[in-house]
Protein backbone atom coordinates (compact mmCIF):
# COMPACT_ATOMS: atom_id res chain seq x y z
CA MET A 1 -25.31 172.87 15.73
CA ILE A 2 -27.44 175.18 13.40
CA GLN A 3 -25.59 178.02 13.48
CA GLN A 4 -22.70 175.73 12.14
CA PHE A 5 -24.84 174.30 9.39
CA LEU A 6 -25.61 177.79 8.45
CA ALA A 7 -21.88 179.09 7.99
CA GLU A 8 -21.01 175.84 6.04
CA VAL A 9 -24.00 176.60 3.74
CA GLU A 10 -23.27 180.12 3.63
CA ALA A 11 -19.29 179.17 2.70
CA VAL A 12 -20.61 176.97 -0.32
CA TYR A 13 -22.77 179.86 -1.45
CA LYS A 14 -20.11 182.38 -1.71
CA THR A 15 -17.92 180.12 -3.93
CA GLY A 16 -20.35 181.33 -7.00
CA LYS A 17 -20.52 177.82 -8.08
CA ALA A 18 -23.02 175.63 -5.60
CA THR A 19 -25.06 173.58 -7.27
CA GLU A 20 -28.26 171.47 -5.37
CA HIS A 21 -25.76 169.02 -4.75
CA SER A 22 -23.14 171.16 -3.11
CA TYR A 23 -25.03 171.58 0.00
CA ARG A 24 -25.62 167.86 0.69
CA PRO A 25 -22.50 167.54 2.64
CA ALA A 26 -23.41 169.88 5.32
CA LEU A 27 -26.84 168.50 5.43
CA GLN A 28 -25.48 164.93 5.96
CA LYS A 29 -23.12 166.34 9.01
CA LEU A 30 -26.02 168.20 10.51
CA PHE A 31 -28.08 164.80 10.47
CA ASN A 32 -25.43 162.86 11.45
CA ASP A 33 -24.58 165.05 14.49
CA LEU A 34 -28.12 164.88 15.94
CA SER A 35 -27.76 161.28 17.63
CA GLU A 36 -25.51 158.48 17.92
CA ASP A 37 -28.38 156.12 17.04
CA ILE A 38 -29.51 157.21 13.54
CA ARG A 39 -27.11 157.51 10.53
CA ALA A 40 -28.25 159.62 7.39
CA VAL A 41 -27.29 158.18 3.97
CA ASN A 42 -27.19 159.57 0.56
CA GLU A 43 -26.91 157.07 -1.99
CA PRO A 44 -26.76 158.70 -5.71
CA GLY A 45 -27.79 155.35 -7.53
CA ARG A 46 -31.08 155.46 -5.42
CA VAL A 47 -31.66 158.91 -5.86
CA LYS A 48 -30.90 158.76 -9.32
CA VAL A 49 -33.94 156.35 -10.02
CA GLY A 50 -36.48 158.68 -7.86
CA ALA A 51 -35.54 157.79 -4.12
CA PRO A 52 -35.30 160.80 -1.65
CA ASP A 53 -31.89 162.50 -1.06
CA PHE A 54 -31.56 161.12 2.39
CA VAL A 55 -32.73 158.30 4.29
CA PHE A 56 -32.22 158.08 8.22
CA LEU A 57 -31.48 154.43 9.45
CA ASP A 58 -31.79 153.35 13.25
CA LYS A 59 -29.00 150.97 14.71
CA GLN A 60 -30.64 148.05 12.79
CA ASP A 61 -30.71 149.91 9.52
CA ILE A 62 -34.36 150.30 9.57
CA ALA A 63 -35.58 153.54 8.00
CA ILE A 64 -37.27 155.81 10.50
CA GLY A 65 -37.28 159.13 7.96
CA HIS A 66 -36.42 160.43 4.56
CA CYS A 67 -35.14 164.01 3.40
CA GLU A 68 -35.53 165.74 -0.04
CA ALA A 69 -33.17 168.51 -0.44
CA LYS A 70 -33.55 171.43 -3.07
CA ASP A 71 -31.49 173.91 -4.18
CA LEU A 72 -31.20 177.64 -1.98
CA LYS A 73 -33.04 179.25 -4.65
CA ILE A 74 -36.25 176.95 -4.52
CA ASP A 75 -39.47 177.85 -3.36
CA LEU A 76 -40.79 174.82 -1.38
CA LYS A 77 -44.58 176.24 -1.46
CA ILE A 78 -44.24 176.55 -5.40
CA MET A 79 -43.22 173.30 -6.86
CA LYS A 80 -44.22 172.78 -10.55
CA GLY A 81 -44.12 170.03 -13.28
CA TYR A 82 -41.91 166.92 -12.01
CA ALA A 83 -40.74 168.36 -8.71
CA LYS A 84 -44.65 169.00 -7.66
CA ASP A 85 -45.47 165.17 -8.97
CA GLN A 86 -42.48 163.68 -7.06
CA LYS A 87 -43.85 165.57 -3.71
CA LYS A 88 -47.34 163.89 -4.22
CA ARG A 89 -45.61 160.74 -4.40
CA TYR A 90 -43.22 161.30 -1.49
CA LEU A 91 -46.00 162.45 0.96
CA ASN A 92 -48.03 159.37 -0.10
CA GLY A 93 -44.94 156.84 0.06
CA PHE A 94 -43.21 158.17 3.28
CA GLN A 95 -44.50 158.55 6.79
CA ASN A 96 -42.00 160.65 8.27
CA LEU A 97 -40.45 163.38 5.63
CA ILE A 98 -38.24 166.51 5.52
CA TYR A 99 -38.40 169.04 2.53
CA THR A 100 -35.72 171.50 2.93
CA ASN A 101 -33.79 173.91 0.46
CA CYS A 102 -31.17 174.65 3.44
CA LEU A 103 -32.95 177.76 4.62
CA GLU A 104 -36.61 176.73 4.82
CA TRP A 105 -37.85 173.39 6.72
CA ARG A 106 -40.85 171.90 6.04
CA PHE A 107 -41.73 168.24 8.35
CA TYR A 108 -44.47 166.18 7.05
CA ARG A 109 -45.92 163.23 9.03
CA GLU A 110 -48.47 161.00 7.33
CA GLY A 111 -48.73 163.49 4.41
CA GLU A 112 -49.63 166.29 6.52
CA LEU A 113 -47.65 169.59 7.14
CA LEU A 114 -46.60 169.38 10.54
CA ALA A 115 -44.09 172.22 11.41
CA GLU A 116 -42.55 175.18 8.64
CA ILE A 117 -39.59 176.71 9.81
CA ARG A 118 -37.07 179.36 8.47
CA ILE A 119 -33.54 179.56 10.05
CA ALA A 120 -32.67 182.10 6.92
CA ASP A 121 -33.72 184.55 4.26
CA TYR A 122 -32.46 184.27 1.16
CA MET A 123 -32.03 188.28 -0.81
CA MET A 124 -29.05 187.68 -2.93
CA GLY A 125 -27.05 186.63 -0.04
CA ILE A 126 -27.99 184.49 3.19
CA ALA A 127 -29.73 186.58 6.37
CA PRO A 128 -29.82 184.28 9.07
CA ARG A 129 -32.71 184.37 11.72
CA ALA A 130 -31.34 183.24 14.83
CA ASP A 131 -34.19 182.99 16.64
CA GLN A 132 -35.56 180.03 14.85
CA PHE A 133 -32.25 178.31 15.19
CA ASP A 134 -33.56 176.59 18.60
CA ARG A 135 -36.77 175.56 16.97
CA LEU A 136 -35.12 173.93 14.17
CA LEU A 137 -32.92 171.89 16.38
CA HIS A 138 -35.69 170.60 18.36
CA GLN A 139 -37.69 169.60 15.54
CA LEU A 140 -34.98 167.77 14.28
CA HIS A 141 -34.40 165.83 17.51
CA ASP A 142 -38.17 164.80 17.19
CA PHE A 143 -37.96 163.79 13.55
CA VAL A 144 -35.55 161.23 14.60
CA LYS A 145 -37.11 159.59 17.31
CA GLU A 146 -40.29 159.25 15.32
CA ALA A 147 -41.38 155.79 15.84
CA PRO A 148 -43.85 153.87 13.18
CA GLN A 149 -47.40 154.35 14.39
CA THR A 150 -49.68 151.15 14.68
CA ILE A 151 -52.16 150.69 11.55
CA ARG A 152 -55.90 149.86 12.92
CA SER A 153 -57.82 150.69 9.82
CA ALA A 154 -58.30 149.32 6.20
CA LYS A 155 -58.26 152.54 4.54
CA ARG A 156 -55.06 153.50 6.23
CA LEU A 157 -53.69 150.29 5.26
CA ALA A 158 -54.99 150.73 1.91
CA ALA A 159 -53.32 154.15 1.44
CA ARG A 160 -49.93 153.06 2.81
CA MET A 161 -49.83 150.20 0.74
CA ALA A 162 -50.77 152.31 -2.36
CA GLY A 163 -47.64 154.80 -1.49
CA LYS A 164 -44.77 152.19 -1.49
CA ALA A 165 -46.48 150.59 -4.57
CA GLN A 166 -46.42 154.16 -6.38
CA LEU A 167 -42.43 154.67 -5.22
CA ILE A 168 -41.78 150.94 -6.44
CA LYS A 169 -43.56 151.77 -9.99
CA ASP A 170 -41.73 154.96 -10.44
CA VAL A 171 -38.16 153.67 -9.24
CA LEU A 172 -38.77 150.53 -11.74
CA GLU A 173 -39.50 152.61 -14.61
CA GLN A 174 -36.44 154.48 -14.18
CA SER A 175 -34.26 151.64 -13.90
CA LEU A 176 -35.48 149.88 -16.69
CA ILE A 177 -34.84 153.14 -18.90
CA GLN A 178 -31.44 153.18 -17.36
CA ASP A 179 -30.58 149.60 -17.97
CA GLU A 180 -31.79 149.14 -21.55
CA GLU A 181 -28.40 149.11 -23.00
CA ASP A 182 -26.49 146.93 -20.03
CA LYS A 183 -29.56 144.60 -19.78
CA SER A 184 -29.92 144.05 -15.82
CA GLU A 185 -31.50 141.26 -14.70
CA LEU A 186 -34.65 143.44 -14.02
CA TYR A 187 -34.35 144.44 -17.39
CA GLY A 188 -34.31 140.52 -18.40
CA GLN A 189 -37.76 140.08 -16.41
CA TYR A 190 -39.22 142.83 -18.75
CA GLU A 191 -38.20 141.23 -21.51
CA ALA A 192 -39.28 137.69 -20.64
CA PHE A 193 -42.78 139.26 -19.68
CA GLN A 194 -42.87 140.90 -23.28
CA GLU A 195 -41.92 137.13 -24.91
CA TYR A 196 -44.13 135.16 -22.91
CA LEU A 197 -47.03 137.46 -21.55
CA ILE A 198 -47.87 140.75 -23.01
CA LYS A 199 -45.91 141.30 -26.43
CA ASP A 200 -46.17 144.93 -26.82
CA ILE A 201 -46.28 145.97 -22.84
CA SER A 202 -44.45 149.52 -22.40
CA LYS A 203 -41.87 149.86 -19.63
CA ALA A 204 -44.45 152.05 -17.80
CA ASP A 205 -47.06 149.53 -18.06
CA PHE A 206 -44.53 146.65 -16.95
CA ALA A 207 -43.74 148.75 -13.72
CA ASP A 208 -47.07 149.15 -12.93
CA VAL A 209 -48.01 145.65 -13.13
CA TYR A 210 -45.11 144.68 -11.00
CA ALA A 211 -45.54 147.06 -8.39
CA GLU A 212 -49.14 146.48 -7.97
CA THR A 213 -48.21 142.57 -7.47
CA ILE A 214 -45.30 142.73 -5.41
CA ALA A 215 -47.48 145.19 -2.92
CA TYR A 216 -50.59 142.83 -3.03
CA GLY A 217 -48.48 139.97 -2.62
CA MET A 218 -46.85 140.84 0.53
CA PHE A 219 -50.49 141.26 1.58
CA ALA A 220 -51.56 137.92 0.52
CA ALA A 221 -48.33 136.49 2.68
CA ARG A 222 -48.93 138.45 5.68
CA LEU A 223 -52.86 137.17 5.61
CA ASN A 224 -51.35 133.77 6.33
CA ASP A 225 -48.63 135.08 8.57
CA THR A 226 -49.20 133.68 12.30
CA THR A 227 -46.07 135.43 13.97
CA LEU A 228 -47.25 139.00 13.82
CA GLU A 229 -44.27 140.20 15.78
CA ASP A 230 -42.18 139.90 12.38
CA PHE A 231 -42.28 140.19 8.88
CA SER A 232 -39.86 140.74 6.00
CA ARG A 233 -39.91 140.20 2.10
CA GLU A 234 -37.94 136.69 3.04
CA GLU A 235 -40.71 135.53 4.99
CA ALA A 236 -43.25 136.34 2.87
CA LEU A 237 -41.96 133.66 0.11
CA GLN A 238 -42.74 131.03 2.85
CA LEU A 239 -46.26 132.39 3.19
CA ILE A 240 -47.15 132.62 -0.30
CA PRO A 241 -49.43 129.86 -1.03
CA LYS A 242 -48.40 127.03 -3.31
CA SER A 243 -51.46 126.99 -5.07
CA ASN A 244 -50.40 130.68 -6.98
CA PRO A 245 -46.75 129.55 -8.61
CA PHE A 246 -46.74 132.80 -10.45
CA LEU A 247 -46.31 134.59 -7.12
CA ARG A 248 -44.06 132.36 -5.72
CA ASN A 249 -41.88 132.66 -8.64
CA LEU A 250 -41.67 136.37 -8.49
CA PHE A 251 -41.16 136.22 -4.46
CA THR A 252 -38.12 134.02 -5.04
CA TYR A 253 -36.76 137.23 -6.74
CA ILE A 254 -38.13 139.29 -4.46
CA ALA A 255 -36.92 137.50 -1.26
CA GLY A 256 -33.66 136.50 -2.79
CA PRO A 257 -29.94 137.92 -2.64
CA SER A 258 -30.17 139.17 -6.24
CA LEU A 259 -33.12 141.79 -5.86
CA ASP A 260 -31.79 144.68 -7.43
CA TYR A 261 -30.59 147.54 -4.60
CA ARG A 262 -32.90 150.16 -6.03
CA LEU A 263 -36.21 148.01 -5.05
CA ILE A 264 -34.69 146.64 -1.80
CA TRP A 265 -35.21 149.60 0.20
CA ILE A 266 -38.97 150.14 -0.80
CA ILE A 267 -40.02 146.57 -0.23
CA ASP A 268 -38.40 146.32 2.95
CA ASP A 269 -40.39 149.38 4.22
CA LEU A 270 -43.43 147.83 2.86
CA ALA A 271 -43.04 145.01 4.93
CA ARG A 272 -42.33 147.23 7.92
CA ILE A 273 -45.79 148.39 7.05
CA PHE A 274 -47.12 145.13 7.34
CA GLN A 275 -45.44 144.48 10.71
CA ALA A 276 -47.20 147.60 12.50
CA THR A 277 -50.41 146.38 11.20
CA ASP A 278 -52.78 144.97 13.16
CA LEU A 279 -53.96 143.08 10.47
CA PRO A 280 -56.69 140.71 12.86
CA LEU A 281 -58.11 143.85 13.81
CA ILE A 282 -58.79 145.20 10.41
CA MET A 283 -59.53 142.01 8.63
CA GLN A 284 -62.15 141.60 11.72
CA ASP A 285 -63.80 145.07 11.54
CA PHE A 286 -63.28 144.97 7.54
CA GLY A 287 -65.66 142.18 7.09
CA GLN A 288 -68.07 143.09 9.83
CA ALA A 289 -68.46 146.67 8.25
CA THR A 290 -68.73 145.50 4.42
CA MET A 291 -70.39 141.79 4.78
CA ARG A 292 -67.23 140.63 2.30
CA SER A 293 -65.82 137.17 3.64
CA ASP A 294 -62.89 137.23 1.59
CA PRO A 295 -60.37 139.61 2.48
CA PHE A 296 -58.12 138.65 0.31
CA LEU A 297 -60.34 139.06 -2.93
CA HIS A 298 -62.44 142.00 -1.37
CA PHE A 299 -59.66 144.29 0.09
CA TYR A 300 -58.13 144.35 -3.58
CA GLU A 301 -60.71 147.07 -4.39
CA ASP A 302 -59.66 149.43 -1.36
CA PHE A 303 -56.12 148.96 -2.48
CA LEU A 304 -56.81 149.87 -5.98
CA ALA A 305 -58.91 153.01 -4.95
CA ALA A 306 -55.67 153.98 -3.30
CA TYR A 307 -53.53 153.13 -5.79
CA ASN A 308 -55.09 153.88 -8.93
CA PRO A 309 -58.70 154.71 -9.00
CA GLN A 310 -58.88 155.08 -12.96
CA LYS A 311 -57.74 151.51 -13.27
CA ARG A 312 -60.44 150.55 -10.69
CA ASP A 313 -63.14 151.97 -12.98
CA LEU A 314 -61.51 150.54 -16.12
CA ARG A 315 -61.26 146.96 -14.69
CA GLY A 316 -64.94 147.44 -13.33
CA VAL A 317 -63.58 146.10 -9.68
CA TRP A 318 -66.53 147.18 -7.64
CA TYR A 319 -67.92 144.47 -4.89
CA THR A 320 -71.37 143.50 -4.43
CA PRO A 321 -72.28 142.76 -1.39
CA GLU A 322 -72.56 138.90 -0.53
CA PRO A 323 -76.15 138.59 0.87
CA VAL A 324 -76.92 140.53 -3.01
CA VAL A 325 -74.97 137.76 -4.65
CA ASP A 326 -76.44 134.91 -2.70
CA PHE A 327 -80.09 136.04 -3.65
CA ILE A 328 -79.33 136.31 -6.93
CA ILE A 329 -77.60 132.77 -7.32
CA ARG A 330 -80.91 131.33 -5.48
CA ALA A 331 -82.92 133.44 -8.16
CA VAL A 332 -81.40 132.09 -10.88
CA ASP A 333 -81.09 128.48 -9.54
CA ASP A 334 -85.13 128.45 -8.71
CA VAL A 335 -85.86 129.92 -12.04
CA LEU A 336 -84.06 127.16 -13.55
CA LYS A 337 -85.73 124.55 -11.76
CA SER A 338 -89.23 126.29 -12.39
CA GLU A 339 -89.06 127.62 -15.70
CA PHE A 340 -87.00 125.46 -17.39
CA GLY A 341 -87.64 122.03 -15.87
CA ILE A 342 -84.05 121.66 -15.15
CA ALA A 343 -84.12 119.60 -11.94
CA ASP A 344 -80.57 120.26 -10.58
CA GLY A 345 -80.53 123.74 -11.64
CA LEU A 346 -77.33 125.63 -11.25
CA ALA A 347 -75.63 122.11 -10.59
CA ASP A 348 -76.65 120.56 -13.34
CA ASN A 349 -73.71 120.32 -15.96
CA ARG A 350 -75.23 119.04 -18.95
CA LYS A 351 -74.65 120.98 -22.17
CA ILE A 352 -77.84 122.15 -23.37
CA GLN A 353 -78.10 122.90 -27.29
CA HIS A 354 -80.31 125.74 -28.58
CA GLU A 355 -83.01 124.86 -31.36
CA SER A 356 -81.29 127.15 -33.73
CA GLU A 357 -78.11 125.06 -33.86
């Protein structure tokens, strides 16, 4: 199978007109021949706004892996500029990932390099390494059998949420740039945000707010979920508290049939992260270790630290242990009673006029 794949790659190369995209059919054929239970899909519309070149889907259309394909001449170890930043986002956003230029293959799991295999050298031509064919085939079979791992720590959940939120941000920003003339529904939301909330907000900042809200909104919904064996963006809408009408309105779009196809795959991936999370266990340990009793309020610091630590510093999103907060409140209450003669302390709701007024 690998020998046949390499022969197809070489035939394309010898035309002298090959581009990075010219090798996609050979890659797709190789991927789809790996298993009858797996389908490799290349959607140009998604790729154009920042998605990896291939997504591997099982029979339930659940994504079990992704692949980013580069040109034969690209050294996968030395990536610069946009490609370097893109790789960092992909490693944070995808649990099961391949980077390949058809000759060199790098397999990543949870952001860590799992295997590196070279099946041919590029030296003004393609020189096969036949002794590596079986190794690549075995690694590919292992790749498509990968199952989601249960998430059992707050730190890992925050990191996975942040990775998906970053992908949502990037895809949304690119989509808004593309849609400026066509005025898609997504672009209409951006314009409404400008009109009613922040007049001069940029596309990048809007995408940032949008991505952060979706990721943490999904977390809020999952906290209220009692059916832990399943979870989806549609279910999230039903679980968002009615006390938060802004979030419910946003998720009416997120959960509905008109959600932009360029965002569907990432948000569905995010839902599967929550489905693979033992949230009761995480929240139990989270509260014990940090003295923070409200997971919705205090987990935000962990999420923001993983998603955008600079923003956390700018906003001053730092928790104070609740025993310290309790002590400060009691101390202020006592001072109001003993030093200022206010019998009800903090409970007093009178407006006290200063002598200088």
